[in-house]
Each structure stands twice: as C-alpha cells, then as structure tokens.
Amino acid sequence: MNDSVLAPIAITGFGIAFFHAAIPTHWLPFVLTARAQHWSRAKTLVITALAGSGHVLATAGLGLVVAWLGIALSERIGVWFPRIAGAAAP
C-alpha cells in the first residue's frame, strides 16, 4: 500500500474511532452506574479505563483476524474475482 492511500485511511479510522467513543452508549452506562453506586471519581475512571482497554484490545484482535483471513483468501481466490465480477457486469 502506498503512502497516498495510507494517510486517508488512517485519518478516516481515527475520525471514526473518535466519534465511536463519543456516543453516549459508550460512556453513559459508566456515569449512571457510578452515580447509582456512589463510586468515587477515581474508581469510575479506573473501571472505565479497564473496560475501554478491553474493548480496544478485543476490537483490534478481531480486526487483525479479519485482515489475516482477507489476505489469505485474497491469495487463494484473488485472481478469480475480476473474472467473476466481469461476468456479472452487464
């Protein structure tokens, strides 16, 4: 992959990650639980950081597996796809 393609992909990825983390479904449960359980700010931050780290690691691991499978599949059937796509096109 050349550098002219990598920069837009990275920028898009960081943008999606930021907005993904900003949606209330990712942080509101921690705020509400902390208030209901009378947690300190430090405890809330530690639990949120642990949960966030687990989420990031699981998502990154899943992404690596999908990328690995895509590369392996591309090596096996990558030459077939242009032929199939060309035959399906009107």
N, C-alpha and C. Protein backbone atom coordinates (compact mmCIF):
# COMPACT_ATOMS: atom_id res chain seq x y z
N MET A 1 0.85 -1.17 0.00
CA MET A 1 0.00 0.00 0.00
C MET A 1 0.90 1.23 0.00
N ASN A 2 0.61 2.16 -0.88
CA ASN A 2 1.45 3.35 -0.95
C ASN A 2 1.00 4.41 0.05
N ASP A 3 1.86 5.41 0.26
CA ASP A 3 1.60 6.44 1.28
C ASP A 3 0.40 7.31 0.95
N SER A 4 0.10 7.49 -0.31
CA SER A 4 -1.02 8.35 -0.68
C SER A 4 -2.36 7.72 -0.30
N VAL A 5 -2.40 6.43 -0.13
CA VAL A 5 -3.62 5.74 0.29
C VAL A 5 -3.66 5.59 1.80
N LEU A 6 -2.51 5.41 2.42
CA LEU A 6 -2.45 5.15 3.86
C LEU A 6 -2.93 6.34 4.69
N ALA A 7 -2.58 7.55 4.32
CA ALA A 7 -2.97 8.74 5.10
C ALA A 7 -4.49 8.91 5.17
N PRO A 8 -5.22 8.86 4.08
CA PRO A 8 -6.69 8.99 4.19
C PRO A 8 -7.32 7.85 5.00
N ILE A 9 -6.79 6.65 4.87
CA ILE A 9 -7.32 5.53 5.63
C ILE A 9 -7.09 5.75 7.13
N ALA A 10 -5.90 6.22 7.49
CA ALA A 10 -5.59 6.48 8.90
C ALA A 10 -6.45 7.61 9.45
N ILE A 11 -6.60 8.69 8.70
CA ILE A 11 -7.42 9.82 9.15
C ILE A 11 -8.88 9.39 9.33
N THR A 12 -9.39 8.63 8.38
CA THR A 12 -10.76 8.14 8.49
C THR A 12 -10.91 7.22 9.69
N GLY A 13 -9.95 6.34 9.90
CA GLY A 13 -10.01 5.43 11.04
C GLY A 13 -10.01 6.16 12.37
N PHE A 14 -9.15 7.16 12.52
CA PHE A 14 -9.11 7.94 13.75
C PHE A 14 -10.40 8.74 13.95
N GLY A 15 -10.94 9.26 12.87
CA GLY A 15 -12.20 10.01 12.96
C GLY A 15 -13.34 9.12 13.41
N ILE A 16 -13.45 7.95 12.81
CA ILE A 16 -14.49 7.00 13.20
C ILE A 16 -14.30 6.57 14.64
N ALA A 17 -13.07 6.31 15.05
CA ALA A 17 -12.80 5.90 16.43
C ALA A 17 -13.21 6.99 17.41
N PHE A 18 -12.93 8.24 17.09
CA PHE A 18 -13.30 9.34 17.98
C PHE A 18 -14.81 9.43 18.14
N PHE A 19 -15.53 9.45 17.03
CA PHE A 19 -16.99 9.56 17.11
C PHE A 19 -17.61 8.31 17.72
N HIS A 20 -17.02 7.17 17.50
CA HIS A 20 -17.48 5.92 18.10
C HIS A 20 -17.39 6.02 19.62
N ALA A 21 -16.30 6.56 20.13
CA ALA A 21 -16.12 6.70 21.58
C ALA A 21 -16.99 7.80 22.17
N ALA A 22 -17.37 8.78 21.35
CA ALA A 22 -18.14 9.92 21.86
C ALA A 22 -19.63 9.64 22.01
N ILE A 23 -20.13 8.58 21.39
CA ILE A 23 -21.56 8.32 21.50
C ILE A 23 -21.90 7.90 22.93
N PRO A 24 -23.05 8.34 23.43
CA PRO A 24 -23.39 8.10 24.84
C PRO A 24 -23.48 6.63 25.24
N THR A 25 -23.75 5.74 24.32
CA THR A 25 -23.85 4.33 24.71
C THR A 25 -22.52 3.77 25.19
N HIS A 26 -21.44 4.48 24.93
CA HIS A 26 -20.13 4.00 25.38
C HIS A 26 -19.72 4.53 26.74
N TRP A 27 -20.21 5.69 27.14
CA TRP A 27 -19.79 6.24 28.42
C TRP A 27 -20.92 6.46 29.40
N LEU A 28 -22.15 6.60 28.93
CA LEU A 28 -23.27 6.87 29.82
C LEU A 28 -23.53 5.75 30.83
N PRO A 29 -23.42 4.48 30.46
CA PRO A 29 -23.62 3.43 31.47
C PRO A 29 -22.65 3.54 32.65
N PHE A 30 -21.43 3.96 32.38
CA PHE A 30 -20.45 4.11 33.46
C PHE A 30 -20.81 5.28 34.37
N VAL A 31 -21.28 6.37 33.77
CA VAL A 31 -21.68 7.53 34.56
C VAL A 31 -22.88 7.19 35.44
N LEU A 32 -23.88 6.55 34.86
CA LEU A 32 -25.07 6.21 35.62
C LEU A 32 -24.79 5.19 36.72
N THR A 33 -23.97 4.19 36.41
CA THR A 33 -23.61 3.20 37.42
C THR A 33 -22.81 3.84 38.55
N ALA A 34 -21.88 4.70 38.21
CA ALA A 34 -21.08 5.37 39.22
C ALA A 34 -21.95 6.22 40.14
N ARG A 35 -22.91 6.90 39.59
CA ARG A 35 -23.81 7.71 40.43
C ARG A 35 -24.70 6.84 41.30
N ALA A 36 -25.23 5.76 40.71
CA ALA A 36 -26.12 4.89 41.48
C ALA A 36 -25.38 4.15 42.59
N GLN A 37 -24.12 3.79 42.33
CA GLN A 37 -23.34 3.03 43.31
C GLN A 37 -22.50 3.93 44.22
N HIS A 38 -22.57 5.24 43.99
CA HIS A 38 -21.80 6.22 44.77
C HIS A 38 -20.30 5.96 44.70
N TRP A 39 -19.83 5.69 43.47
CA TRP A 39 -18.39 5.48 43.27
C TRP A 39 -17.68 6.82 43.32
N SER A 40 -16.41 6.76 43.71
CA SER A 40 -15.57 7.96 43.64
C SER A 40 -15.20 8.20 42.17
N ARG A 41 -14.72 9.41 41.90
CA ARG A 41 -14.29 9.73 40.54
C ARG A 41 -13.14 8.82 40.11
N ALA A 42 -12.22 8.55 41.03
CA ALA A 42 -11.07 7.69 40.71
C ALA A 42 -11.52 6.28 40.36
N LYS A 43 -12.43 5.71 41.15
CA LYS A 43 -12.92 4.35 40.86
C LYS A 43 -13.63 4.31 39.52
N THR A 44 -14.42 5.34 39.24
CA THR A 44 -15.12 5.40 37.95
C THR A 44 -14.14 5.44 36.79
N LEU A 45 -13.10 6.25 36.92
CA LEU A 45 -12.10 6.36 35.85
C LEU A 45 -11.34 5.05 35.66
N VAL A 46 -10.98 4.39 36.76
CA VAL A 46 -10.25 3.12 36.65
C VAL A 46 -11.10 2.06 35.97
N ILE A 47 -12.35 1.92 36.39
CA ILE A 47 -13.23 0.91 35.79
C ILE A 47 -13.51 1.23 34.33
N THR A 48 -13.73 2.49 34.04
CA THR A 48 -13.95 2.89 32.65
C THR A 48 -12.72 2.63 31.79
N ALA A 49 -11.54 2.93 32.32
CA ALA A 49 -10.30 2.68 31.57
C ALA A 49 -10.09 1.19 31.33
N LEU A 50 -10.37 0.36 32.33
CA LEU A 50 -10.22 -1.09 32.15
C LEU A 50 -11.20 -1.61 31.09
N ALA A 51 -12.44 -1.18 31.18
CA ALA A 51 -13.44 -1.62 30.20
C ALA A 51 -13.08 -1.11 28.80
N GLY A 52 -12.63 0.14 28.71
CA GLY A 52 -12.24 0.69 27.41
C GLY A 52 -11.04 -0.04 26.82
N SER A 53 -10.08 -0.37 27.66
CA SER A 53 -8.90 -1.11 27.18
C SER A 53 -9.29 -2.49 26.67
N GLY A 54 -10.18 -3.15 27.39
CA GLY A 54 -10.67 -4.45 26.93
C GLY A 54 -11.40 -4.34 25.60
N HIS A 55 -12.20 -3.30 25.46
CA HIS A 55 -12.93 -3.08 24.22
C HIS A 55 -11.97 -2.84 23.06
N VAL A 56 -10.96 -2.01 23.28
CA VAL A 56 -9.98 -1.71 22.23
C VAL A 56 -9.20 -2.96 21.85
N LEU A 57 -8.73 -3.72 22.84
CA LEU A 57 -7.95 -4.93 22.55
C LEU A 57 -8.78 -5.99 21.81
N ALA A 58 -10.02 -6.17 22.24
CA ALA A 58 -10.88 -7.15 21.56
C ALA A 58 -11.17 -6.72 20.12
N THR A 59 -11.45 -5.44 19.93
CA THR A 59 -11.73 -4.94 18.58
C THR A 59 -10.50 -5.02 17.69
N ALA A 60 -9.34 -4.68 18.23
CA ALA A 60 -8.10 -4.77 17.45
C ALA A 60 -7.78 -6.22 17.10
N GLY A 61 -7.98 -7.12 18.05
CA GLY A 61 -7.76 -8.54 17.78
C GLY A 61 -8.68 -9.06 16.70
N LEU A 62 -9.95 -8.68 16.77
CA LEU A 62 -10.90 -9.08 15.74
C LEU A 62 -10.50 -8.51 14.39
N GLY A 63 -10.06 -7.26 14.37
CA GLY A 63 -9.61 -6.64 13.13
C GLY A 63 -8.42 -7.35 12.52
N LEU A 64 -7.48 -7.76 13.36
CA LEU A 64 -6.31 -8.50 12.87
C LEU A 64 -6.71 -9.85 12.27
N VAL A 65 -7.64 -10.53 12.93
CA VAL A 65 -8.10 -11.83 12.42
C VAL A 65 -8.80 -11.65 11.07
N VAL A 66 -9.66 -10.66 10.97
CA VAL A 66 -10.37 -10.40 9.71
C VAL A 66 -9.39 -10.02 8.61
N ALA A 67 -8.40 -9.19 8.93
CA ALA A 67 -7.40 -8.80 7.94
C ALA A 67 -6.58 -10.01 7.50
N TRP A 68 -6.17 -10.84 8.45
CA TRP A 68 -5.40 -12.04 8.13
C TRP A 68 -6.21 -12.97 7.22
N LEU A 69 -7.48 -13.17 7.57
CA LEU A 69 -8.33 -14.03 6.73
C LEU A 69 -8.53 -13.42 5.34
N GLY A 70 -8.69 -12.10 5.27
CA GLY A 70 -8.84 -11.44 3.97
C GLY A 70 -7.62 -11.59 3.09
N ILE A 71 -6.44 -11.46 3.70
CA ILE A 71 -5.20 -11.62 2.94
C ILE A 71 -5.05 -13.06 2.47
N ALA A 72 -5.32 -14.01 3.36
CA ALA A 72 -5.22 -15.43 2.99
C ALA A 72 -6.22 -15.78 1.89
N LEU A 73 -7.43 -15.26 2.00
CA LEU A 73 -8.44 -15.53 0.99
C LEU A 73 -8.08 -14.87 -0.34
N SER A 74 -7.53 -13.67 -0.27
CA SER A 74 -7.15 -12.96 -1.48
C SER A 74 -6.05 -13.71 -2.24
N GLU A 75 -5.13 -14.32 -1.50
CA GLU A 75 -4.06 -15.08 -2.14
C GLU A 75 -4.61 -16.31 -2.85
N ARG A 76 -5.69 -16.88 -2.33
CA ARG A 76 -6.25 -18.09 -2.92
C ARG A 76 -7.22 -17.82 -4.06
N ILE A 77 -8.11 -16.84 -3.87
CA ILE A 77 -9.15 -16.61 -4.89
C ILE A 77 -9.09 -15.22 -5.49
N GLY A 78 -8.05 -14.46 -5.18
CA GLY A 78 -7.95 -13.09 -5.69
C GLY A 78 -7.94 -13.00 -7.19
N VAL A 79 -7.41 -14.01 -7.87
CA VAL A 79 -7.37 -13.97 -9.33
C VAL A 79 -8.74 -14.30 -9.93
N TRP A 80 -9.60 -14.96 -9.17
CA TRP A 80 -10.92 -15.32 -9.69
C TRP A 80 -11.88 -14.15 -9.67
N PHE A 81 -11.75 -13.27 -8.69
CA PHE A 81 -12.76 -12.22 -8.50
C PHE A 81 -12.93 -11.32 -9.72
N PRO A 82 -11.86 -10.83 -10.33
CA PRO A 82 -12.09 -9.97 -11.53
C PRO A 82 -12.84 -10.70 -12.63
N ARG A 83 -12.59 -11.99 -12.77
CA ARG A 83 -13.30 -12.76 -13.81
C ARG A 83 -14.79 -12.88 -13.46
N ILE A 84 -15.07 -13.17 -12.17
CA ILE A 84 -16.47 -13.32 -11.73
C ILE A 84 -17.18 -11.98 -11.82
N ALA A 85 -16.54 -10.90 -11.36
CA ALA A 85 -17.16 -9.59 -11.39
C ALA A 85 -17.38 -9.13 -12.83
N GLY A 86 -16.45 -9.45 -13.71
CA GLY A 86 -16.60 -9.08 -15.12
C GLY A 86 -17.73 -9.83 -15.78
N ALA A 87 -17.92 -11.09 -15.40
CA ALA A 87 -19.00 -11.88 -15.98
C ALA A 87 -20.36 -11.43 -15.46
N ALA A 88 -20.40 -10.91 -14.24
CA ALA A 88 -21.66 -10.48 -13.66
C ALA A 88 -22.08 -9.10 -14.13
N ALA A 89 -21.12 -8.32 -14.61
CA ALA A 89 -21.43 -6.95 -15.06
C ALA A 89 -22.20 -7.00 -16.37
N PRO A 90 -23.16 -6.07 -16.55
CA PRO A 90 -23.95 -6.08 -17.80
C PRO A 90 -23.15 -5.60 -18.98
